[in-house]
């Protein structure tokens, strides 16, 4: 089968499309003809060798995880009813950017008739984390809510949900095209965080009080600056790292100011405590609560170019990969 392979840790040119051994579905698993896959920023960092403490992977490997496609066959102890169904899911470990992939049958979600496959794939991964954050955050109604990386795949969904919840939404992104997108999703105020002193604009938008809730998807210094805009007694999730690591903050300051901080490890723990399912994501997407924005769909042969575009923040919305 054809598969994109990360041949070594490094720049996007380490990705090559090769003939790769076909996977086999084991007990409890299915084999899927993959049509579309998602591409998120963390995959570009893993390709460079980062986040080894979270992801145990070494080249050569087939990247990619969230997929959409049709079940070709099932392994032992799996109901044959799955064969031929159009599904979204996650491959076992990596291996998504290939013509065939293996997934656990218990984690498959059949795509509802109301959704096309592109929408289902685009919303599946980001939508899960978005609904988790919706559950974890305090009530957003009437609150000042800051969303950074607001034009990214998950940022767009968070803007939509915060707007629907009745929050005063402040969306921060980079460049006019992205700000226009964020505004169209329901943000009340949009701020370009490439402008020096952008945090002062956040405070101005809240009449100097600061934000009640921050969904921080940018990381790095941008994330640290966002933390400084949260009012005493506020709440922040530091879930993004595209700007060079997760947002740094002083735990002692957070405790002194009564700020609740949800870091990436906290969110991982919360996924085991809060019952958000793929079916929930599909249902909310079918209802129109979650509407992903796809900028470009790249063919498998251009996965390296897709990585370059994601790293350069050149996309307004998401990138998807068409496998076949």
C-alpha atoms as a PDB file:
ATOM      1  CA  UNK A   1       0.000   0.000   0.000  1.00  0.00           C
ATOM      2  CA  UNK A   2       1.019   3.641  -0.401  1.00  0.00           C
ATOM      3  CA  UNK A   3       1.916   5.438   2.801  1.00  0.00           C
ATOM      4  CA  UNK A   4       3.630   8.649   3.835  1.00  0.00           C
ATOM      5  CA  UNK A   5       6.685   7.776   5.893  1.00  0.00           C
ATOM      6  CA  UNK A   6       8.749   9.955   8.234  1.00  0.00           C
ATOM      7  CA  UNK A   7      12.185   8.572   7.362  1.00  0.00           C
ATOM      8  CA  UNK A   8      14.079  10.524  10.056  1.00  0.00           C
ATOM      9  CA  UNK A   9      13.367  13.289  12.538  1.00  0.00           C
ATOM     10  CA  UNK A  10      13.754  16.624  10.783  1.00  0.00           C
ATOM     11  CA  UNK A  11      12.235  19.141   8.380  1.00  0.00           C
ATOM     12  CA  UNK A  12       9.212  18.304   6.207  1.00  0.00           C
ATOM     13  CA  UNK A  13      11.433  16.902   3.447  1.00  0.00           C
ATOM     14  CA  UNK A  14      12.027  13.797   5.589  1.00  0.00           C
ATOM     15  CA  UNK A  15       8.486  12.699   4.595  1.00  0.00           C
ATOM     16  CA  UNK A  16       8.434  10.310   1.646  1.00  0.00           C
ATOM     17  CA  UNK A  17       5.553   8.392   0.056  1.00  0.00           C
ATOM     18  CA  UNK A  18       6.613   4.738  -0.084  1.00  0.00           C
ATOM     19  CA  UNK A  19       5.261   1.247  -0.540  1.00  0.00           C
ATOM     20  CA  UNK A  20       4.614   0.034   2.987  1.00  0.00           C
ATOM     21  CA  UNK A  21       3.474  -3.332   4.389  1.00  0.00           C
ATOM     22  CA  UNK A  22      -0.290  -3.632   4.735  1.00  0.00           C
ATOM     23  CA  UNK A  23      -1.423  -3.754   8.378  1.00  0.00           C
ATOM     24  CA  UNK A  24      -3.527  -6.625   9.716  1.00  0.00           C
ATOM     25  CA  UNK A  25      -6.478  -6.250  12.064  1.00  0.00           C
ATOM     26  CA  UNK A  26      -5.963  -8.118  15.313  1.00  0.00           C
ATOM     27  CA  UNK A  27      -8.526  -9.152  17.946  1.00  0.00           C
ATOM     28  CA  UNK A  28     -11.007  -6.330  18.563  1.00  0.00           C
ATOM     29  CA  UNK A  29      -9.733  -4.345  15.579  1.00  0.00           C
ATOM     30  CA  UNK A  30     -10.846  -3.413  12.066  1.00  0.00           C
ATOM     31  CA  UNK A  31      -9.005  -2.708   8.830  1.00  0.00           C
ATOM     32  CA  UNK A  32     -10.089   0.531   7.143  1.00  0.00           C
ATOM     33  CA  UNK A  33      -9.680   1.868   3.608  1.00  0.00           C
ATOM     34  CA  UNK A  34      -8.690   5.398   4.591  1.00  0.00           C
ATOM     35  CA  UNK A  35     -10.003   8.242   2.431  1.00  0.00           C
ATOM     36  CA  UNK A  36      -9.246  11.384   4.470  1.00  0.00           C
ATOM     37  CA  UNK A  37      -7.062  12.187   7.454  1.00  0.00           C
ATOM     38  CA  UNK A  38      -6.675  15.134   9.771  1.00  0.00           C
ATOM     39  CA  UNK A  39      -3.421  17.047  10.249  1.00  0.00           C
ATOM     40  CA  UNK A  40      -2.797  18.953  13.481  1.00  0.00           C
ATOM     41  CA  UNK A  41       0.142  21.067  14.577  1.00  0.00           C
ATOM     42  CA  UNK A  42       1.499  18.594  17.130  1.00  0.00           C
ATOM     43  CA  UNK A  43       2.227  16.128  14.310  1.00  0.00           C
ATOM     44  CA  UNK A  44       4.748  18.571  12.849  1.00  0.00           C
ATOM     45  CA  UNK A  45       6.494  18.770  16.220  1.00  0.00           C
ATOM     46  CA  UNK A  46       6.582  14.975  16.574  1.00  0.00           C
ATOM     47  CA  UNK A  47       8.126  14.768  13.078  1.00  0.00           C
ATOM     48  CA  UNK A  48      10.976  16.964  14.344  1.00  0.00           C
ATOM     49  CA  UNK A  49      11.526  14.694  17.357  1.00  0.00           C
ATOM     50  CA  UNK A  50       9.725  16.837  19.937  1.00  0.00           C
ATOM     51  CA  UNK A  51       7.304  15.676  22.642  1.00  0.00           C
ATOM     52  CA  UNK A  52       9.105  12.366  23.117  1.00  0.00           C
ATOM     53  CA  UNK A  53       7.827  12.310  26.694  1.00  0.00           C
ATOM     54  CA  UNK A  54       4.258  12.158  25.342  1.00  0.00           C
ATOM     55  CA  UNK A  55       4.662  10.134  22.129  1.00  0.00           C
ATOM     56  CA  UNK A  56       6.852   7.040  21.916  1.00  0.00           C
ATOM     57  CA  UNK A  57       7.695   6.975  18.212  1.00  0.00           C
ATOM     58  CA  UNK A  58      10.891   6.588  16.201  1.00  0.00           C
ATOM     59  CA  UNK A  59      11.525   6.783  12.452  1.00  0.00           C
ATOM     60  CA  UNK A  60      10.724   5.275  10.120  1.00  0.00           C
ATOM     61  CA  UNK A  61       7.041   5.578  10.941  1.00  0.00           C
ATOM     62  CA  UNK A  62       3.777   6.422   9.214  1.00  0.00           C
ATOM     63  CA  UNK A  63       2.358   9.596  10.806  1.00  0.00           C
ATOM     64  CA  UNK A  64      -1.277  10.553  11.180  1.00  0.00           C
ATOM     65  CA  UNK A  65      -3.996   9.414  13.533  1.00  0.00           C
ATOM     66  CA  UNK A  66      -7.558  10.715  13.004  1.00  0.00           C
ATOM     67  CA  UNK A  67      -9.109   9.323   9.837  1.00  0.00           C
ATOM     68  CA  UNK A  68     -12.279   8.806   7.852  1.00  0.00           C
ATOM     69  CA  UNK A  69     -12.925   5.879   5.555  1.00  0.00           C
ATOM     70  CA  UNK A  70     -14.737   2.608   4.950  1.00  0.00           C
ATOM     71  CA  UNK A  71     -14.237  -0.598   6.934  1.00  0.00           C
ATOM     72  CA  UNK A  72     -12.744  -3.291   4.693  1.00  0.00           C
ATOM     73  CA  UNK A  73     -12.570  -6.192   7.139  1.00  0.00           C
ATOM     74  CA  UNK A  74     -12.715  -7.050  10.838  1.00  0.00           C
ATOM     75  CA  UNK A  75     -10.454  -8.958  13.149  1.00  0.00           C
ATOM     76  CA  UNK A  76     -11.377 -11.760  15.530  1.00  0.00           C
ATOM     77  CA  UNK A  77     -14.299 -11.068  17.909  1.00  0.00           C
ATOM     78  CA  UNK A  78     -15.547  -8.040  15.919  1.00  0.00           C
ATOM     79  CA  UNK A  79     -19.087  -7.906  14.537  1.00  0.00           C
ATOM     80  CA  UNK A  80     -19.171  -8.216  10.760  1.00  0.00           C
ATOM     81  CA  UNK A  81     -21.766  -5.434  10.681  1.00  0.00           C
ATOM     82  CA  UNK A  82     -18.897  -2.924  10.535  1.00  0.00           C
ATOM     83  CA  UNK A  83     -17.772  -4.098   7.092  1.00  0.00           C
ATOM     84  CA  UNK A  84     -18.638  -1.512   4.446  1.00  0.00           C
ATOM     85  CA  UNK A  85     -19.614   1.217   6.908  1.00  0.00           C
ATOM     86  CA  UNK A  86     -18.236   4.743   6.580  1.00  0.00           C
ATOM     87  CA  UNK A  87     -16.556   5.660   9.854  1.00  0.00           C
ATOM     88  CA  UNK A  88     -14.252   8.076  11.602  1.00  0.00           C
ATOM     89  CA  UNK A  89     -11.786   7.029  14.255  1.00  0.00           C
ATOM     90  CA  UNK A  90      -8.165   6.944  15.315  1.00  0.00           C
ATOM     91  CA  UNK A  91      -5.554   4.497  14.145  1.00  0.00           C
ATOM     92  CA  UNK A  92      -3.758   2.339  16.691  1.00  0.00           C
ATOM     93  CA  UNK A  93      -0.839   4.596  17.648  1.00  0.00           C
ATOM     94  CA  UNK A  94       0.105   6.311  14.356  1.00  0.00           C
ATOM     95  CA  UNK A  95      -0.297   5.088  10.767  1.00  0.00           C
ATOM     96  CA  UNK A  96      -3.141   7.294   9.551  1.00  0.00           C
ATOM     97  CA  UNK A  97      -1.515   8.770   6.435  1.00  0.00           C
ATOM     98  CA  UNK A  98      -1.746   5.518   4.486  1.00  0.00           C
ATOM     99  CA  UNK A  99      -4.200   3.722   2.239  1.00  0.00           C
ATOM    100  CA  UNK A 100      -5.018   1.204   4.969  1.00  0.00           C
ATOM    101  CA  UNK A 101      -5.134   1.609   8.732  1.00  0.00           C
ATOM    102  CA  UNK A 102      -6.030  -0.415  11.801  1.00  0.00           C
ATOM    103  CA  UNK A 103      -8.318   0.899  14.529  1.00  0.00           C
ATOM    104  CA  UNK A 104      -9.952  -0.458  17.656  1.00  0.00           C
ATOM    105  CA  UNK A 105     -13.569  -1.353  16.853  1.00  0.00           C
ATOM    106  CA  UNK A 106     -14.757   0.110  20.159  1.00  0.00           C
ATOM    107  CA  UNK A 107     -13.451   3.543  19.119  1.00  0.00           C
ATOM    108  CA  UNK A 108     -15.116   3.695  15.705  1.00  0.00           C
ATOM    109  CA  UNK A 109     -17.934   6.148  15.055  1.00  0.00           C
ATOM    110  CA  UNK A 110     -20.233   5.724  12.079  1.00  0.00           C
ATOM    111  CA  UNK A 111     -20.602   8.966  10.134  1.00  0.00           C
ATOM    112  CA  UNK A 112     -24.192  10.225  10.407  1.00  0.00           C
ATOM    113  CA  UNK A 113     -26.137  10.633   7.179  1.00  0.00           C
ATOM    114  CA  UNK A 114     -26.385  14.379   7.870  1.00  0.00           C
ATOM    115  CA  UNK A 115     -22.593  14.855   7.648  1.00  0.00           C
ATOM    116  CA  UNK A 116     -20.220  14.537   4.721  1.00  0.00           C
ATOM    117  CA  UNK A 117     -16.942  12.755   5.352  1.00  0.00           C
ATOM    118  CA  UNK A 118     -14.848  15.946   5.155  1.00  0.00           C
ATOM    119  CA  UNK A 119     -16.842  17.604   7.930  1.00  0.00           C
ATOM    120  CA  UNK A 120     -16.767  14.454  10.043  1.00  0.00           C
ATOM    121  CA  UNK A 121     -12.976  14.081   9.777  1.00  0.00           C
ATOM    122  CA  UNK A 122     -12.334  17.794  10.302  1.00  0.00           C
ATOM    123  CA  UNK A 123     -14.414  17.944  13.477  1.00  0.00           C
ATOM    124  CA  UNK A 124     -13.616  14.567  15.030  1.00  0.00           C
ATOM    125  CA  UNK A 125     -10.300  15.174  16.798  1.00  0.00           C
ATOM    126  CA  UNK A 126     -10.622  18.874  17.587  1.00  0.00           C
ATOM    127  CA  UNK A 127     -14.272  18.468  18.494  1.00  0.00           C
ATOM    128  CA  UNK A 128     -13.493  15.914  21.174  1.00  0.00           C
ATOM    129  CA  UNK A 129     -11.104  18.250  23.001  1.00  0.00           C
ATOM    130  CA  UNK A 130     -13.451  21.191  22.468  1.00  0.00           C
ATOM    131  CA  UNK A 131     -16.336  19.374  24.155  1.00  0.00           C
ATOM    132  CA  UNK A 132     -14.026  18.284  26.966  1.00  0.00           C
ATOM    133  CA  UNK A 133     -13.078  21.913  27.590  1.00  0.00           C
ATOM    134  CA  UNK A 134     -16.738  22.910  27.415  1.00  0.00           C
ATOM    135  CA  UNK A 135     -17.441  20.434  30.224  1.00  0.00           C
ATOM    136  CA  UNK A 136     -14.448  21.468  32.342  1.00  0.00           C
ATOM    137  CA  UNK A 137     -14.742  25.238  32.099  1.00  0.00           C
ATOM    138  CA  UNK A 138     -17.070  27.221  34.358  1.00  0.00           C
ATOM    139  CA  UNK A 139     -20.294  28.543  32.867  1.00  0.00           C
ATOM    140  CA  UNK A 140     -19.497  30.924  30.030  1.00  0.00           C
ATOM    141  CA  UNK A 141     -22.778  32.808  29.965  1.00  0.00           C
ATOM    142  CA  UNK A 142     -22.136  36.513  30.430  1.00  0.00           C
ATOM    143  CA  UNK A 143     -18.408  35.930  30.975  1.00  0.00           C
ATOM    144  CA  UNK A 144     -15.363  37.511  29.354  1.00  0.00           C
ATOM    145  CA  UNK A 145     -13.710  34.703  27.401  1.00  0.00           C
ATOM    146  CA  UNK A 146     -10.330  34.899  25.631  1.00  0.00           C
ATOM    147  CA  UNK A 147      -9.488  32.334  22.944  1.00  0.00           C
ATOM    148  CA  UNK A 148      -5.967  32.325  21.518  1.00  0.00           C
ATOM    149  CA  UNK A 149      -5.035  30.565  18.270  1.00  0.00           C
ATOM    150  CA  UNK A 150      -8.667  31.317  17.538  1.00  0.00           C
ATOM    151  CA  UNK A 151      -8.368  30.694  13.789  1.00  0.00           C
ATOM    152  CA  UNK A 152      -6.983  27.184  14.255  1.00  0.00           C
ATOM    153  CA  UNK A 153      -9.015  24.016  13.970  1.00  0.00           C
ATOM    154  CA  UNK A 154      -9.964  23.874  17.637  1.00  0.00           C
ATOM    155  CA  UNK A 155      -9.929  27.639  18.168  1.00  0.00           C
ATOM    156  CA  UNK A 156     -12.719  28.076  15.621  1.00  0.00           C
ATOM    157  CA  UNK A 157     -14.868  25.503  17.448  1.00  0.00           C
ATOM    158  CA  UNK A 158     -14.215  27.119  20.835  1.00  0.00           C
ATOM    159  CA  UNK A 159     -15.248  30.525  19.469  1.00  0.00           C
ATOM    160  CA  UNK A 160     -18.476  29.001  18.184  1.00  0.00           C
ATOM    161  CA  UNK A 161     -19.336  27.313  21.491  1.00  0.00           C
ATOM    162  CA  UNK A 162     -18.438  30.340  23.620  1.00  0.00           C
ATOM    163  CA  UNK A 163     -20.618  32.534  21.384  1.00  0.00           C
ATOM    164  CA  UNK A 164     -23.503  30.065  21.620  1.00  0.00           C
ATOM    165  CA  UNK A 165     -23.117  30.017  25.417  1.00  0.00           C
ATOM    166  CA  UNK A 166     -23.619  33.787  25.630  1.00  0.00           C
ATOM    167  CA  UNK A 167     -20.052  34.805  26.429  1.00  0.00           C
ATOM    168  CA  UNK A 168     -18.366  38.049  25.406  1.00  0.00           C
ATOM    169  CA  UNK A 169     -15.781  36.423  23.144  1.00  0.00           C
ATOM    170  CA  UNK A 170     -12.324  37.875  22.505  1.00  0.00           C
ATOM    171  CA  UNK A 171     -10.540  35.990  19.730  1.00  0.00           C
ATOM    172  CA  UNK A 172      -6.790  36.389  19.276  1.00  0.00           C
ATOM    173  CA  UNK A 173      -5.012  35.320  16.098  1.00  0.00           C
ATOM    174  CA  UNK A 174      -2.373  36.545  13.655  1.00  0.00           C
ATOM    175  CA  UNK A 175      -3.167  38.553  10.514  1.00  0.00           C
ATOM    176  CA  UNK A 176      -6.280  40.091   9.038  1.00  0.00           C
ATOM    177  CA  UNK A 177      -7.494  37.003   7.183  1.00  0.00           C
ATOM    178  CA  UNK A 178      -7.529  34.997  10.387  1.00  0.00           C
ATOM    179  CA  UNK A 179      -9.146  37.803  12.346  1.00  0.00           C
ATOM    180  CA  UNK A 180     -11.904  38.001   9.725  1.00  0.00           C
ATOM    181  CA  UNK A 181     -12.500  34.258  10.080  1.00  0.00           C
ATOM    182  CA  UNK A 182     -12.657  34.489  13.884  1.00  0.00           C
ATOM    183  CA  UNK A 183     -15.101  37.392  13.687  1.00  0.00           C
ATOM    184  CA  UNK A 184     -17.314  35.370  11.360  1.00  0.00           C
ATOM    185  CA  UNK A 185     -17.464  32.553  13.932  1.00  0.00           C
ATOM    186  CA  UNK A 186     -19.035  34.848  16.533  1.00  0.00           C
ATOM    187  CA  UNK A 187     -16.178  36.653  18.281  1.00  0.00           C
ATOM    188  CA  UNK A 188     -17.220  40.050  19.657  1.00  0.00           C
ATOM    189  CA  UNK A 189     -13.664  41.411  19.638  1.00  0.00           C
ATOM    190  CA  UNK A 190     -10.696  40.245  17.554  1.00  0.00           C
ATOM    191  CA  UNK A 191      -7.097  41.057  18.417  1.00  0.00           C
ATOM    192  CA  UNK A 192      -3.922  40.491  16.432  1.00  0.00           C
ATOM    193  CA  UNK A 193      -1.428  39.046  18.882  1.00  0.00           C
ATOM    194  CA  UNK A 194       1.486  39.739  16.569  1.00  0.00           C
ATOM    195  CA  UNK A 195       1.076  43.386  17.649  1.00  0.00           C
ATOM    196  CA  UNK A 196       3.270  44.350  20.587  1.00  0.00           C
ATOM    197  CA  UNK A 197       1.246  44.976  23.730  1.00  0.00           C
ATOM    198  CA  UNK A 198      -1.773  43.006  22.487  1.00  0.00           C
ATOM    199  CA  UNK A 199      -2.604  42.053  26.065  1.00  0.00           C
ATOM    200  CA  UNK A 200      -3.481  45.699  26.744  1.00  0.00           C
ATOM    201  CA  UNK A 201      -6.147  45.427  24.056  1.00  0.00           C
ATOM    202  CA  UNK A 202      -7.576  42.393  25.862  1.00  0.00           C
ATOM    203  CA  UNK A 203      -7.773  44.380  29.083  1.00  0.00           C
ATOM    204  CA  UNK A 204      -9.389  47.300  27.248  1.00  0.00           C
ATOM    205  CA  UNK A 205     -12.007  44.928  25.848  1.00  0.00           C
ATOM    206  CA  UNK A 206     -12.873  43.888  29.414  1.00  0.00           C
ATOM    207  CA  UNK A 207     -12.888  47.448  30.812  1.00  0.00           C
ATOM    208  CA  UNK A 208      -9.647  46.698  32.622  1.00  0.00           C
ATOM    209  CA  UNK A 209     -11.019  43.761  34.606  1.00  0.00           C
ATOM    210  CA  UNK A 210      -9.354  40.901  32.735  1.00  0.00           C
ATOM    211  CA  UNK A 211     -10.954  37.740  31.392  1.00  0.00           C
ATOM    212  CA  UNK A 212     -12.906  35.188  33.387  1.00  0.00           C
ATOM    213  CA  UNK A 213     -11.905  32.264  31.168  1.00  0.00           C
ATOM    214  CA  UNK A 214      -9.043  31.766  28.725  1.00  0.00           C
ATOM    215  CA  UNK A 215      -8.780  28.908  26.241  1.00  0.00           C
ATOM    216  CA  UNK A 216      -5.068  29.116  25.469  1.00  0.00           C
ATOM    217  CA  UNK A 217      -4.084  27.315  22.281  1.00  0.00           C
ATOM    218  CA  UNK A 218      -0.963  29.230  21.224  1.00  0.00           C
ATOM    219  CA  UNK A 219       1.612  28.293  23.869  1.00  0.00           C
ATOM    220  CA  UNK A 220       5.041  29.801  24.383  1.00  0.00           C
ATOM    221  CA  UNK A 221       5.311  33.482  25.250  1.00  0.00           C
ATOM    222  CA  UNK A 222       1.877  34.143  23.757  1.00  0.00           C
ATOM    223  CA  UNK A 223       0.419  31.735  26.271  1.00  0.00           C
ATOM    224  CA  UNK A 224       2.323  33.275  29.155  1.00  0.00           C
ATOM    225  CA  UNK A 225       1.006  36.695  28.131  1.00  0.00           C
ATOM    226  CA  UNK A 226      -2.527  35.331  27.923  1.00  0.00           C
ATOM    227  CA  UNK A 227      -2.198  34.013  31.478  1.00  0.00           C
ATOM    228  CA  UNK A 228      -1.503  37.566  32.606  1.00  0.00           C
ATOM    229  CA  UNK A 229      -4.882  38.720  31.265  1.00  0.00           C
ATOM    230  CA  UNK A 230      -6.868  36.319  33.470  1.00  0.00           C
ATOM    231  CA  UNK A 231      -8.530  38.010  36.432  1.00  0.00           C
ATOM    232  CA  UNK A 232      -8.135  36.793  40.012  1.00  0.00           C
ATOM    233  CA  UNK A 233     -10.361  33.776  40.536  1.00  0.00           C
ATOM    234  CA  UNK A 234     -10.403  33.043  36.800  1.00  0.00           C
ATOM    235  CA  UNK A 235      -9.845  29.847  34.823  1.00  0.00           C
ATOM    236  CA  UNK A 236      -7.418  28.975  32.006  1.00  0.00           C
ATOM    237  CA  UNK A 237      -6.674  25.910  29.915  1.00  0.00           C
ATOM    238  CA  UNK A 238      -3.111  25.787  28.552  1.00  0.00           C
ATOM    239  CA  UNK A 239      -3.669  23.133  25.887  1.00  0.00           C
ATOM    240  CA  UNK A 240      -1.694  24.434  22.874  1.00  0.00           C
ATOM    241  CA  UNK A 241       2.016  24.490  22.053  1.00  0.00           C
ATOM    242  CA  UNK A 242       2.529  25.707  18.443  1.00  0.00           C
ATOM    243  CA  UNK A 243       4.540  28.739  19.584  1.00  0.00           C
ATOM    244  CA  UNK A 244       7.216  26.626  21.246  1.00  0.00           C
ATOM    245  CA  UNK A 245       5.969  24.612  24.208  1.00  0.00           C
ATOM    246  CA  UNK A 246       2.951  24.944  26.434  1.00  0.00           C
ATOM    247  CA  UNK A 247       2.271  28.252  28.155  1.00  0.00           C
ATOM    248  CA  UNK A 248       4.569  28.877  31.097  1.00  0.00           C
ATOM    249  CA  UNK A 249       3.034  30.177  34.300  1.00  0.00           C
ATOM    250  CA  UNK A 250       4.011  30.470  37.950  1.00  0.00           C
ATOM    251  CA  UNK A 251       1.989  27.944  39.989  1.00  0.00           C
ATOM    252  CA  UNK A 252       2.540  30.027  43.112  1.00  0.00           C
ATOM    253  CA  UNK A 253       1.066  33.086  41.403  1.00  0.00           C
ATOM    254  CA  UNK A 254      -1.881  31.061  40.130  1.00  0.00           C
ATOM    255  CA  UNK A 255      -2.557  29.807  43.651  1.00  0.00           C
ATOM    256  CA  UNK A 256      -2.164  33.262  45.186  1.00  0.00           C
ATOM    257  CA  UNK A 257      -4.583  34.760  42.677  1.00  0.00           C
ATOM    258  CA  UNK A 258      -7.028  31.879  42.853  1.00  0.00           C
ATOM    259  CA  UNK A 259      -6.671  31.025  39.164  1.00  0.00           C
ATOM    260  CA  UNK A 260      -7.544  27.482  38.089  1.00  0.00           C
ATOM    261  CA  UNK A 261      -5.085  26.231  35.473  1.00  0.00           C
ATOM    262  CA  UNK A 262      -5.684  23.162  33.345  1.00  0.00           C
ATOM    263  CA  UNK A 263      -2.409  22.034  31.772  1.00  0.00           C
ATOM    264  CA  UNK A 264      -2.074  19.308  29.147  1.00  0.00           C
ATOM    265  CA  UNK A 265      -1.540  16.552  31.731  1.00  0.00           C
ATOM    266  CA  UNK A 266      -4.633  17.704  33.626  1.00  0.00           C
ATOM    267  CA  UNK A 267      -6.642  17.446  30.417  1.00  0.00           C
ATOM    268  CA  UNK A 268      -5.328  13.938  29.800  1.00  0.00           C
ATOM    269  CA  UNK A 269      -6.467  12.928  33.260  1.00  0.00           C
ATOM    270  CA  UNK A 270      -9.838  14.580  32.744  1.00  0.00           C
ATOM    271  CA  UNK A 271     -10.479  12.570  29.565  1.00  0.00           C
ATOM    272  CA  UNK A 272     -10.682   9.511  31.809  1.00  0.00           C
ATOM    273  CA  UNK A 273     -13.046  11.194  34.241  1.00  0.00           C
ATOM    274  CA  UNK A 274     -15.416  12.932  31.828  1.00  0.00           C
ATOM    275  CA  UNK A 275     -17.408  10.832  29.411  1.00  0.00           C
ATOM    276  CA  UNK A 276     -17.122  12.613  26.060  1.00  0.00           C
ATOM    277  CA  UNK A 277     -17.557  10.251  23.104  1.00  0.00           C
ATOM    278  CA  UNK A 278     -17.053  10.410  19.387  1.00  0.00           C
ATOM    279  CA  UNK A 279     -20.798  10.036  19.017  1.00  0.00           C
ATOM    280  CA  UNK A 280     -21.208  13.239  21.047  1.00  0.00           C
ATOM    281  CA  UNK A 281     -18.917  15.054  18.627  1.00  0.00           C
ATOM    282  CA  UNK A 282     -20.800  13.777  15.575  1.00  0.00           C
ATOM    283  CA  UNK A 283     -24.144  14.658  17.149  1.00  0.00           C
ATOM    284  CA  UNK A 284     -23.066  18.212  17.978  1.00  0.00           C
ATOM    285  CA  UNK A 285     -21.666  18.625  14.472  1.00  0.00           C
ATOM    286  CA  UNK A 286     -24.890  17.341  12.922  1.00  0.00           C
ATOM    287  CA  UNK A 287     -26.814  19.842  15.069  1.00  0.00           C
ATOM    288  CA  UNK A 288     -24.641  22.672  13.763  1.00  0.00           C
ATOM    289  CA  UNK A 289     -23.009  23.422  17.122  1.00  0.00           C
ATOM    290  CA  UNK A 290     -19.555  22.493  15.796  1.00  0.00           C
ATOM    291  CA  UNK A 291     -18.771  23.678  12.262  1.00  0.00           C
ATOM    292  CA  UNK A 292     -15.138  23.038  11.256  1.00  0.00           C
ATOM    293  CA  UNK A 293     -13.407  25.285   8.752  1.00  0.00           C
ATOM    294  CA  UNK A 294     -11.136  23.556   6.227  1.00  0.00           C
ATOM    295  CA  UNK A 295      -8.700  25.755   4.343  1.00  0.00           C
ATOM    296  CA  UNK A 296      -7.022  23.150   2.112  1.00  0.00           C
ATOM    297  CA  UNK A 297      -7.143  19.451   1.398  1.00  0.00           C
ATOM    298  CA  UNK A 298      -3.745  18.159   0.265  1.00  0.00           C
ATOM    299  CA  UNK A 299      -3.168  14.897  -1.621  1.00  0.00           C
ATOM    300  CA  UNK A 300      -1.049  12.301   0.166  1.00  0.00           C
ATOM    301  CA  UNK A 301       1.894  13.073  -2.130  1.00  0.00           C
ATOM    302  CA  UNK A 302       1.914  16.621  -0.737  1.00  0.00           C
ATOM    303  CA  UNK A 303       1.957  15.774   2.961  1.00  0.00           C
ATOM    304  CA  UNK A 304       5.350  17.483   3.304  1.00  0.00           C
ATOM    305  CA  UNK A 305       3.878  20.658   1.798  1.00  0.00           C
ATOM    306  CA  UNK A 306       0.957  20.404   4.214  1.00  0.00           C
ATOM    307  CA  UNK A 307       3.358  20.181   7.166  1.00  0.00           C
ATOM    308  CA  UNK A 308       5.175  23.260   5.859  1.00  0.00           C
ATOM    309  CA  UNK A 309       1.913  25.215   5.571  1.00  0.00           C
ATOM    310  CA  UNK A 310       0.804  24.260   9.086  1.00  0.00           C
ATOM    311  CA  UNK A 311       4.170  25.190  10.601  1.00  0.00           C
ATOM    312  CA  UNK A 312       4.181  28.526   8.763  1.00  0.00           C
ATOM    313  CA  UNK A 313       0.668  29.334  10.057  1.00  0.00           C
ATOM    314  CA  UNK A 314      -0.230  29.842   6.400  1.00  0.00           C
ATOM    315  CA  UNK A 315      -3.692  28.280   6.670  1.00  0.00           C
ATOM    316  CA  UNK A 316      -6.946  29.917   7.686  1.00  0.00           C
ATOM    317  CA  UNK A 317      -8.653  26.950   9.305  1.00  0.00           C
ATOM    318  CA  UNK A 318      -7.640  23.309   9.033  1.00  0.00           C
ATOM    319  CA  UNK A 319      -5.643  21.127   6.686  1.00  0.00           C
ATOM    320  CA  UNK A 320      -6.876  17.686   5.665  1.00  0.00           C
ATOM    321  CA  UNK A 321      -5.035  14.988   3.699  1.00  0.00           C
ATOM    322  CA  UNK A 322      -6.783  13.052   0.930  1.00  0.00           C
ATOM    323  CA  UNK A 323      -5.402   9.531   0.802  1.00  0.00           C
ATOM    324  CA  UNK A 324      -7.401   8.154  -2.137  1.00  0.00           C
END
